[in-house]
Amino acid sequence: MLVTGDLKCLHCGHITARWVGPKGAPLTFAGLRPLPPGTDPAAPVRCGRCQGPVYLDDATPVASSYRLRRIQRLRQQLAAFDAPRRKRGRAA
């Protein structure tokens, strides 16, 4: 499950960025939206103002439209795959 929220500094309260990533994942630059150019995606995020530690504030689940469309397509493919079997099962 994906979550999104604001990265807030524990020291000064500054909101550094918006973060999106898997639930329970470490707060790295890879989850920042948008990703700052020239940063190491695996590096932990620090406050942009005082370099203090940050935490995920107001974390909410994200329903990714891409993932929902993919799930719908897979369900349609499975239904289409099972349709001939059902017809054969009824006729036999």
PDB file of N, CA and C in Angstrom:
ATOM      1  N   MET A   1       0.850  -1.168   0.000  1.00  0.00           N
ATOM      2  CA  MET A   1       0.000   0.000   0.000  1.00  0.00           C
ATOM      3  C   MET A   1       0.897   1.232   0.000  1.00  0.00           C
ATOM      4  N   LEU A   2       0.553   2.205  -0.830  1.00  0.00           N
ATOM      5  CA  LEU A   2       1.278   3.467  -0.885  1.00  0.00           C
ATOM      6  C   LEU A   2       0.679   4.460   0.092  1.00  0.00           C
ATOM      7  N   VAL A   3       1.559   5.264   0.688  1.00  0.00           N
ATOM      8  CA  VAL A   3       1.115   6.345   1.562  1.00  0.00           C
ATOM      9  C   VAL A   3       1.771   7.641   1.096  1.00  0.00           C
ATOM     10  N   THR A   4       1.137   8.748   1.412  1.00  0.00           N
ATOM     11  CA  THR A   4       1.691  10.057   1.091  1.00  0.00           C
ATOM     12  C   THR A   4       1.543  10.958   2.298  1.00  0.00           C
ATOM     13  N   GLY A   5       2.431  11.928   2.396  1.00  0.00           N
ATOM     14  CA  GLY A   5       2.367  12.870   3.505  1.00  0.00           C
ATOM     15  C   GLY A   5       3.448  13.919   3.384  1.00  0.00           C
ATOM     16  N   ASP A   6       3.463  14.846   4.320  1.00  0.00           N
ATOM     17  CA  ASP A   6       4.463  15.907   4.357  1.00  0.00           C
ATOM     18  C   ASP A   6       5.619  15.481   5.242  1.00  0.00           C
ATOM     19  N   LEU A   7       6.855  15.778   4.804  1.00  0.00           N
ATOM     20  CA  LEU A   7       8.035  15.540   5.634  1.00  0.00           C
ATOM     21  C   LEU A   7       8.248  16.781   6.488  1.00  0.00           C
ATOM     22  N   LYS A   8       8.100  16.612   7.794  1.00  0.00           N
ATOM     23  CA  LYS A   8       8.170  17.743   8.721  1.00  0.00           C
ATOM     24  C   LYS A   8       9.374  17.561   9.640  1.00  0.00           C
ATOM     25  N   CYS A   9      10.072  18.652   9.906  1.00  0.00           N
ATOM     26  CA  CYS A   9      11.270  18.609  10.745  1.00  0.00           C
ATOM     27  C   CYS A   9      10.894  18.482  12.223  1.00  0.00           C
ATOM     28  N   LEU A  10      11.622  17.641  12.924  1.00  0.00           N
ATOM     29  CA  LEU A  10      11.399  17.487  14.366  1.00  0.00           C
ATOM     30  C   LEU A  10      11.920  18.685  15.148  1.00  0.00           C
ATOM     31  N   HIS A  11      12.920  19.400  14.613  1.00  0.00           N
ATOM     32  CA  HIS A  11      13.542  20.505  15.346  1.00  0.00           C
ATOM     33  C   HIS A  11      12.818  21.828  15.129  1.00  0.00           C
ATOM     34  N   CYS A  12      12.625  22.204  13.849  1.00  0.00           N
ATOM     35  CA  CYS A  12      12.089  23.540  13.582  1.00  0.00           C
ATOM     36  C   CYS A  12      10.660  23.521  13.040  1.00  0.00           C
ATOM     37  N   GLY A  13      10.111  22.358  12.694  1.00  0.00           N
ATOM     38  CA  GLY A  13       8.745  22.255  12.203  1.00  0.00           C
ATOM     39  C   GLY A  13       8.569  22.612  10.739  1.00  0.00           C
ATOM     40  N   HIS A  14       9.664  22.863  10.034  1.00  0.00           N
ATOM     41  CA  HIS A  14       9.608  23.220   8.617  1.00  0.00           C
ATOM     42  C   HIS A  14       9.148  22.009   7.795  1.00  0.00           C
ATOM     43  N   ILE A  15       8.204  22.228   6.861  1.00  0.00           N
ATOM     44  CA  ILE A  15       7.773  21.159   5.962  1.00  0.00           C
ATOM     45  C   ILE A  15       8.734  21.148   4.787  1.00  0.00           C
ATOM     46  N   THR A  16       9.530  20.087   4.695  1.00  0.00           N
ATOM     47  CA  THR A  16      10.583  20.003   3.693  1.00  0.00           C
ATOM     48  C   THR A  16      10.045  19.646   2.322  1.00  0.00           C
ATOM     49  N   ALA A  17       9.173  18.641   2.245  1.00  0.00           N
ATOM     50  CA  ALA A  17       8.706  18.179   0.938  1.00  0.00           C
ATOM     51  C   ALA A  17       7.492  17.283   1.109  1.00  0.00           C
ATOM     52  N   ARG A  18       6.962  16.835  -0.012  1.00  0.00           N
ATOM     53  CA  ARG A  18       5.870  15.858  -0.063  1.00  0.00           C
ATOM     54  C   ARG A  18       6.506  14.519  -0.386  1.00  0.00           C
ATOM     55  N   TRP A  19       6.102  13.443   0.298  1.00  0.00           N
ATOM     56  CA  TRP A  19       6.700  12.131   0.123  1.00  0.00           C
ATOM     57  C   TRP A  19       5.625  11.114  -0.227  1.00  0.00           C
ATOM     58  N   VAL A  20       5.949  10.207  -1.164  1.00  0.00           N
ATOM     59  CA  VAL A  20       5.062   9.116  -1.547  1.00  0.00           C
ATOM     60  C   VAL A  20       5.889   7.852  -1.583  1.00  0.00           C
ATOM     61  N   GLY A  21       5.411   6.802  -0.918  1.00  0.00           N
ATOM     62  CA  GLY A  21       6.139   5.542  -0.927  1.00  0.00           C
ATOM     63  C   GLY A  21       5.365   4.444  -0.237  1.00  0.00           C
ATOM     64  N   PRO A  22       5.957   3.238  -0.225  1.00  0.00           N
ATOM     65  CA  PRO A  22       5.295   2.108   0.431  1.00  0.00           C
ATOM     66  C   PRO A  22       5.200   2.316   1.943  1.00  0.00           C
ATOM     67  N   LYS A  23       4.159   1.778   2.521  1.00  0.00           N
ATOM     68  CA  LYS A  23       3.959   1.871   3.970  1.00  0.00           C
ATOM     69  C   LYS A  23       5.135   1.203   4.679  1.00  0.00           C
ATOM     70  N   GLY A  24       5.720   1.895   5.639  1.00  0.00           N
ATOM     71  CA  GLY A  24       6.831   1.359   6.420  1.00  0.00           C
ATOM     72  C   GLY A  24       8.199   1.538   5.782  1.00  0.00           C
ATOM     73  N   ALA A  25       8.282   2.146   4.600  1.00  0.00           N
ATOM     74  CA  ALA A  25       9.565   2.341   3.923  1.00  0.00           C
ATOM     75  C   ALA A  25      10.331   3.484   4.585  1.00  0.00           C
ATOM     76  N   PRO A  26      11.675   3.445   4.525  1.00  0.00           N
ATOM     77  CA  PRO A  26      12.444   4.560   5.082  1.00  0.00           C
ATOM     78  C   PRO A  26      12.235   5.836   4.266  1.00  0.00           C
ATOM     79  N   LEU A  27      12.362   6.981   4.916  1.00  0.00           N
ATOM     80  CA  LEU A  27      12.152   8.265   4.248  1.00  0.00           C
ATOM     81  C   LEU A  27      13.424   8.651   3.492  1.00  0.00           C
ATOM     82  N   THR A  28      13.503   8.244   2.228  1.00  0.00           N
ATOM     83  CA  THR A  28      14.648   8.550   1.382  1.00  0.00           C
ATOM     84  C   THR A  28      14.227   9.509   0.277  1.00  0.00           C
ATOM     85  N   PHE A  29      15.222  10.035  -0.440  1.00  0.00           N
ATOM     86  CA  PHE A  29      14.945  10.965  -1.527  1.00  0.00           C
ATOM     87  C   PHE A  29      14.153  10.313  -2.641  1.00  0.00           C
ATOM     88  N   ALA A  30      14.185   8.989  -2.763  1.00  0.00           N
ATOM     89  CA  ALA A  30      13.460   8.302  -3.834  1.00  0.00           C
ATOM     90  C   ALA A  30      11.958   8.553  -3.751  1.00  0.00           C
ATOM     91  N   GLY A  31      11.432   8.822  -2.575  1.00  0.00           N
ATOM     92  CA  GLY A  31      10.002   9.033  -2.418  1.00  0.00           C
ATOM     93  C   GLY A  31       9.551  10.477  -2.543  1.00  0.00           C
ATOM     94  N   LEU A  32      10.488  11.410  -2.684  1.00  0.00           N
ATOM     95  CA  LEU A  32      10.111  12.823  -2.769  1.00  0.00           C
ATOM     96  C   LEU A  32       9.417  13.116  -4.084  1.00  0.00           C
ATOM     97  N   ARG A  33       8.397  13.953  -4.025  1.00  0.00           N
ATOM     98  CA  ARG A  33       7.673  14.386  -5.218  1.00  0.00           C
ATOM     99  C   ARG A  33       7.690  15.888  -5.284  1.00  0.00           C
ATOM    100  N   PRO A  34       8.324  16.521  -6.221  1.00  0.00           N
ATOM    101  CA  PRO A  34       9.226  15.978  -7.233  1.00  0.00           C
ATOM    102  C   PRO A  34      10.613  15.729  -6.644  1.00  0.00           C
ATOM    103  N   LEU A  35      11.349  14.806  -7.249  1.00  0.00           N
ATOM    104  CA  LEU A  35      12.691  14.449  -6.800  1.00  0.00           C
ATOM    105  C   LEU A  35      13.659  15.569  -7.185  1.00  0.00           C
ATOM    106  N   PRO A  36      14.402  16.121  -6.203  1.00  0.00           N
ATOM    107  CA  PRO A  36      15.354  17.185  -6.537  1.00  0.00           C
ATOM    108  C   PRO A  36      16.449  16.658  -7.469  1.00  0.00           C
ATOM    109  N   PRO A  37      16.850  17.449  -8.474  1.00  0.00           N
ATOM    110  CA  PRO A  37      17.891  16.985  -9.397  1.00  0.00           C
ATOM    111  C   PRO A  37      19.234  16.837  -8.698  1.00  0.00           C
ATOM    112  N   GLY A  38      19.987  15.830  -9.093  1.00  0.00           N
ATOM    113  CA  GLY A  38      21.324  15.622  -8.563  1.00  0.00           C
ATOM    114  C   GLY A  38      21.389  15.035  -7.170  1.00  0.00           C
ATOM    115  N   THR A  39      20.330  14.405  -6.680  1.00  0.00           N
ATOM    116  CA  THR A  39      20.345  13.807  -5.343  1.00  0.00           C
ATOM    117  C   THR A  39      20.462  12.295  -5.445  1.00  0.00           C
ATOM    118  N   ASP A  40      21.024  11.697  -4.422  1.00  0.00           N
ATOM    119  CA  ASP A  40      21.121  10.240  -4.337  1.00  0.00           C
ATOM    120  C   ASP A  40      19.779   9.720  -3.825  1.00  0.00           C
ATOM    121  N   PRO A  41      19.049   8.912  -4.632  1.00  0.00           N
ATOM    122  CA  PRO A  41      17.724   8.444  -4.207  1.00  0.00           C
ATOM    123  C   PRO A  41      17.737   7.616  -2.921  1.00  0.00           C
ATOM    124  N   ALA A  42      18.868   6.976  -2.606  1.00  0.00           N
ATOM    125  CA  ALA A  42      18.928   6.126  -1.417  1.00  0.00           C
ATOM    126  C   ALA A  42      19.294   6.900  -0.148  1.00  0.00           C
ATOM    127  N   ALA A  43      19.681   8.164  -0.278  1.00  0.00           N
ATOM    128  CA  ALA A  43      20.095   8.952   0.881  1.00  0.00           C
ATOM    129  C   ALA A  43      18.886   9.331   1.733  1.00  0.00           C
ATOM    130  N   PRO A  44      19.046   9.320   3.056  1.00  0.00           N
ATOM    131  CA  PRO A  44      17.929   9.741   3.919  1.00  0.00           C
ATOM    132  C   PRO A  44      17.688  11.246   3.792  1.00  0.00           C
ATOM    133  N   VAL A  45      16.446  11.639   3.978  1.00  0.00           N
ATOM    134  CA  VAL A  45      16.064  13.045   3.849  1.00  0.00           C
ATOM    135  C   VAL A  45      16.298  13.759   5.178  1.00  0.00           C
ATOM    136  N   ARG A  46      16.832  14.974   5.095  1.00  0.00           N
ATOM    137  CA  ARG A  46      17.008  15.846   6.256  1.00  0.00           C
ATOM    138  C   ARG A  46      16.270  17.143   5.986  1.00  0.00           C
ATOM    139  N   CYS A  47      16.064  17.939   7.009  1.00  0.00           N
ATOM    140  CA  CYS A  47      15.376  19.216   6.869  1.00  0.00           C
ATOM    141  C   CYS A  47      16.168  20.144   5.950  1.00  0.00           C
ATOM    142  N   GLY A  48      15.451  20.836   5.055  1.00  0.00           N
ATOM    143  CA  GLY A  48      16.098  21.765   4.146  1.00  0.00           C
ATOM    144  C   GLY A  48      16.558  23.045   4.815  1.00  0.00           C
ATOM    145  N   ARG A  49      16.023  23.343   5.980  1.00  0.00           N
ATOM    146  CA  ARG A  49      16.361  24.588   6.678  1.00  0.00           C
ATOM    147  C   ARG A  49      17.471  24.377   7.708  1.00  0.00           C
ATOM    148  N   CYS A  50      17.304  23.376   8.605  1.00  0.00           N
ATOM    149  CA  CYS A  50      18.266  23.219   9.709  1.00  0.00           C
ATOM    150  C   CYS A  50      19.008  21.876   9.695  1.00  0.00           C
ATOM    151  N   GLN A  51      18.765  21.040   8.682  1.00  0.00           N
ATOM    152  CA  GLN A  51      19.383  19.714   8.545  1.00  0.00           C
ATOM    153  C   GLN A  51      18.992  18.754   9.677  1.00  0.00           C
ATOM    154  N   GLY A  52      17.880  19.029  10.341  1.00  0.00           N
ATOM    155  CA  GLY A  52      17.385  18.169  11.403  1.00  0.00           C
ATOM    156  C   GLY A  52      16.662  16.952  10.850  1.00  0.00           C
ATOM    157  N   PRO A  53      16.322  15.991  11.719  1.00  0.00           N
ATOM    158  CA  PRO A  53      15.599  14.798  11.286  1.00  0.00           C
ATOM    159  C   PRO A  53      14.157  15.140  10.916  1.00  0.00           C
ATOM    160  N   VAL A  54      13.588  14.375   9.992  1.00  0.00           N
ATOM    161  CA  VAL A  54      12.216  14.615   9.543  1.00  0.00           C
ATOM    162  C   VAL A  54      11.346  13.398   9.835  1.00  0.00           C
ATOM    163  N   TYR A  55      10.040  13.633   9.893  1.00  0.00           N
ATOM    164  CA  TYR A  55       9.076  12.551  10.055  1.00  0.00           C
ATOM    165  C   TYR A  55       7.930  12.765   9.083  1.00  0.00           C
ATOM    166  N   LEU A  56       7.173  11.714   8.819  1.00  0.00           N
ATOM    167  CA  LEU A  56       6.058  11.776   7.883  1.00  0.00           C
ATOM    168  C   LEU A  56       4.819  12.225   8.644  1.00  0.00           C
ATOM    169  N   ASP A  57       4.331  13.414   8.314  1.00  0.00           N
ATOM    170  CA  ASP A  57       3.178  14.003   8.980  1.00  0.00           C
ATOM    171  C   ASP A  57       1.947  13.858   8.094  1.00  0.00           C
ATOM    172  N   ASP A  58       0.806  13.595   8.690  1.00  0.00           N
ATOM    173  CA  ASP A  58      -0.465  13.451   7.964  1.00  0.00           C
ATOM    174  C   ASP A  58      -0.389  12.386   6.869  1.00  0.00           C
ATOM    175  N   ALA A  59       0.129  11.219   7.216  1.00  0.00           N
ATOM    176  CA  ALA A  59       0.234  10.126   6.246  1.00  0.00           C
ATOM    177  C   ALA A  59      -1.158   9.602   5.904  1.00  0.00           C
ATOM    178  N   THR A  60      -1.437   9.515   4.607  1.00  0.00           N
ATOM    179  CA  THR A  60      -2.718   9.009   4.133  1.00  0.00           C
ATOM    180  C   THR A  60      -2.480   7.986   3.033  1.00  0.00           C
ATOM    181  N   PRO A  61      -3.326   6.969   2.940  1.00  0.00           N
ATOM    182  CA  PRO A  61      -3.155   5.967   1.878  1.00  0.00           C
ATOM    183  C   PRO A  61      -3.454   6.559   0.505  1.00  0.00           C
ATOM    184  N   VAL A  62      -2.756   6.049  -0.500  1.00  0.00           N
ATOM    185  CA  VAL A  62      -2.925   6.512  -1.869  1.00  0.00           C
ATOM    186  C   VAL A  62      -3.499   5.383  -2.703  1.00  0.00           C
ATOM    187  N   ALA A  63      -4.545   5.690  -3.431  1.00  0.00           N
ATOM    188  CA  ALA A  63      -5.093   4.731  -4.387  1.00  0.00           C
ATOM    189  C   ALA A  63      -4.535   5.120  -5.750  1.00  0.00           C
ATOM    190  N   SER A  64      -3.500   4.433  -6.176  1.00  0.00           N
ATOM    191  CA  SER A  64      -2.847   4.749  -7.446  1.00  0.00           C
ATOM    192  C   SER A  64      -3.769   4.379  -8.598  1.00  0.00           C
ATOM    193  N   SER A  65      -4.067   5.343  -9.454  1.00  0.00           N
ATOM    194  CA  SER A  65      -4.957   5.075 -10.577  1.00  0.00           C
ATOM    195  C   SER A  65      -4.326   4.070 -11.535  1.00  0.00           C
ATOM    196  N   TYR A  66      -3.011   4.102 -11.677  1.00  0.00           N
ATOM    197  CA  TYR A  66      -2.326   3.126 -12.540  1.00  0.00           C
ATOM    198  C   TYR A  66      -2.542   1.715 -12.014  1.00  0.00           C
ATOM    199  N   ARG A  67      -2.367   1.538 -10.712  1.00  0.00           N
ATOM    200  CA  ARG A  67      -2.532   0.207 -10.124  1.00  0.00           C
ATOM    201  C   ARG A  67      -3.978  -0.260 -10.220  1.00  0.00           C
ATOM    202  N   LEU A  68      -4.928   0.662 -10.019  1.00  0.00           N
ATOM    203  CA  LEU A  68      -6.334   0.283 -10.120  1.00  0.00           C
ATOM    204  C   LEU A  68      -6.687  -0.142 -11.542  1.00  0.00           C
ATOM    205  N   ARG A  69      -6.187   0.596 -12.544  1.00  0.00           N
ATOM    206  CA  ARG A  69      -6.436   0.214 -13.945  1.00  0.00           C
ATOM    207  C   ARG A  69      -5.798  -1.134 -14.267  1.00  0.00           C
ATOM    208  N   ARG A  70      -4.617  -1.375 -13.742  1.00  0.00           N
ATOM    209  CA  ARG A  70      -3.933  -2.652 -13.974  1.00  0.00           C
ATOM    210  C   ARG A  70      -4.733  -3.811 -13.368  1.00  0.00           C
ATOM    211  N   ILE A  71      -5.239  -3.621 -12.170  1.00  0.00           N
ATOM    212  CA  ILE A  71      -6.048  -4.655 -11.518  1.00  0.00           C
ATOM    213  C   ILE A  71      -7.315  -4.919 -12.322  1.00  0.00           C
ATOM    214  N   GLN A  72      -7.958  -3.854 -12.820  1.00  0.00           N
ATOM    215  CA  GLN A  72      -9.168  -4.026 -13.627  1.00  0.00           C
ATOM    216  C   GLN A  72      -8.862  -4.794 -14.910  1.00  0.00           C
ATOM    217  N   ARG A  73      -7.737  -4.463 -15.565  1.00  0.00           N
ATOM    218  CA  ARG A  73      -7.353  -5.181 -16.786  1.00  0.00           C
ATOM    219  C   ARG A  73      -7.100  -6.654 -16.507  1.00  0.00           C
ATOM    220  N   LEU A  74      -6.421  -6.949 -15.408  1.00  0.00           N
ATOM    221  CA  LEU A  74      -6.141  -8.343 -15.049  1.00  0.00           C
ATOM    222  C   LEU A  74      -7.431  -9.105 -14.763  1.00  0.00           C
ATOM    223  N   ARG A  75      -8.374  -8.462 -14.091  1.00  0.00           N
ATOM    224  CA  ARG A  75      -9.659  -9.114 -13.820  1.00  0.00           C
ATOM    225  C   ARG A  75     -10.413  -9.391 -15.121  1.00  0.00           C
ATOM    226  N   GLN A  76     -10.377  -8.441 -16.058  1.00  0.00           N
ATOM    227  CA  GLN A  76     -11.030  -8.648 -17.359  1.00  0.00           C
ATOM    228  C   GLN A  76     -10.366  -9.784 -18.120  1.00  0.00           C
ATOM    229  N   GLN A  77      -9.039  -9.863 -18.081  1.00  0.00           N
ATOM    230  CA  GLN A  77      -8.327 -10.937 -18.760  1.00  0.00           C
ATOM    231  C   GLN A  77      -8.666 -12.292 -18.150  1.00  0.00           C
ATOM    232  N   LEU A  78      -8.753 -12.341 -16.828  1.00  0.00           N
ATOM    233  CA  LEU A  78      -9.113 -13.602 -16.169  1.00  0.00           C
ATOM    234  C   LEU A  78     -10.542 -14.010 -16.513  1.00  0.00           C
ATOM    235  N   ALA A  79     -11.438 -13.042 -16.546  1.00  0.00           N
ATOM    236  CA  ALA A  79     -12.830 -13.340 -16.900  1.00  0.00           C
ATOM    237  C   ALA A  79     -12.919 -13.847 -18.339  1.00  0.00           C
ATOM    238  N   ALA A  80     -12.168 -13.228 -19.247  1.00  0.00           N
ATOM    239  CA  ALA A  80     -12.168 -13.673 -20.639  1.00  0.00           C
ATOM    240  C   ALA A  80     -11.555 -15.060 -20.771  1.00  0.00           C
ATOM    241  N   PHE A  81     -10.549 -15.339 -19.979  1.00  0.00           N
ATOM    242  CA  PHE A  81      -9.903 -16.653 -20.008  1.00  0.00           C
ATOM    243  C   PHE A  81     -10.846 -17.732 -19.471  1.00  0.00           C
ATOM    244  N   ASP A  82     -11.613 -17.413 -18.441  1.00  0.00           N
ATOM    245  CA  ASP A  82     -12.525 -18.376 -17.828  1.00  0.00           C
ATOM    246  C   ASP A  82     -13.840 -18.538 -18.600  1.00  0.00           C
ATOM    247  N   ALA A  83     -14.216 -17.584 -19.434  1.00  0.00           N
ATOM    248  CA  ALA A  83     -15.499 -17.635 -20.146  1.00  0.00           C
ATOM    249  C   ALA A  83     -15.638 -18.881 -21.024  1.00  0.00           C
ATOM    250  N   PRO A  84     -14.664 -19.255 -21.869  1.00  0.00           N
ATOM    251  CA  PRO A  84     -14.815 -20.473 -22.675  1.00  0.00           C
ATOM    252  C   PRO A  84     -14.920 -21.736 -21.814  1.00  0.00           C
ATOM    253  N   ARG A  85     -14.235 -21.770 -20.699  1.00  0.00           N
ATOM    254  CA  ARG A  85     -14.303 -22.928 -19.813  1.00  0.00           C
ATOM    255  C   ARG A  85     -15.708 -23.097 -19.242  1.00  0.00           C
ATOM    256  N   ARG A  86     -16.314 -21.982 -18.878  1.00  0.00           N
ATOM    257  CA  ARG A  86     -17.665 -22.048 -18.309  1.00  0.00           C
ATOM    258  C   ARG A  86     -18.659 -22.559 -19.359  1.00  0.00           C
ATOM    259  N   LYS A  87     -18.505 -22.068 -20.581  1.00  0.00           N
ATOM    260  CA  LYS A  87     -19.418 -22.492 -21.636  1.00  0.00           C
ATOM    261  C   LYS A  87     -19.242 -23.983 -21.932  1.00  0.00           C
ATOM    262  N   ARG A  88     -18.004 -24.437 -21.962  1.00  0.00           N
ATOM    263  CA  ARG A  88     -17.754 -25.859 -22.207  1.00  0.00           C
ATOM    264  C   ARG A  88     -18.292 -26.707 -21.056  1.00  0.00           C
ATOM    265  N   GLY A  89     -18.152 -26.194 -19.841  1.00  0.00           N
ATOM    266  CA  GLY A  89     -18.624 -26.938 -18.672  1.00  0.00           C
ATOM    267  C   GLY A  89     -20.137 -27.095 -18.666  1.00  0.00           C
ATOM    268  N   ARG A  90     -20.852 -26.096 -19.140  1.00  0.00           N
ATOM    269  CA  ARG A  90     -22.301 -26.150 -19.178  1.00  0.00           C
ATOM    270  C   ARG A  90     -22.789 -27.079 -20.289  1.00  0.00           C
ATOM    271  N   ALA A  91     -22.105 -27.083 -21.418  1.00  0.00           N
ATOM    272  CA  ALA A  91     -22.531 -27.893 -22.558  1.00  0.00           C
ATOM    273  C   ALA A  91     -22.222 -29.369 -22.340  1.00  0.00           C
ATOM    274  N   ALA A  92     -21.214 -29.659 -21.582  1.00  0.00           N
ATOM    275  CA  ALA A  92     -20.799 -31.049 -21.410  1.00  0.00           C
ATOM    276  C   ALA A  92     -21.622 -31.784 -20.395  1.00  0.00           C
TER     277      ALA A  92
END
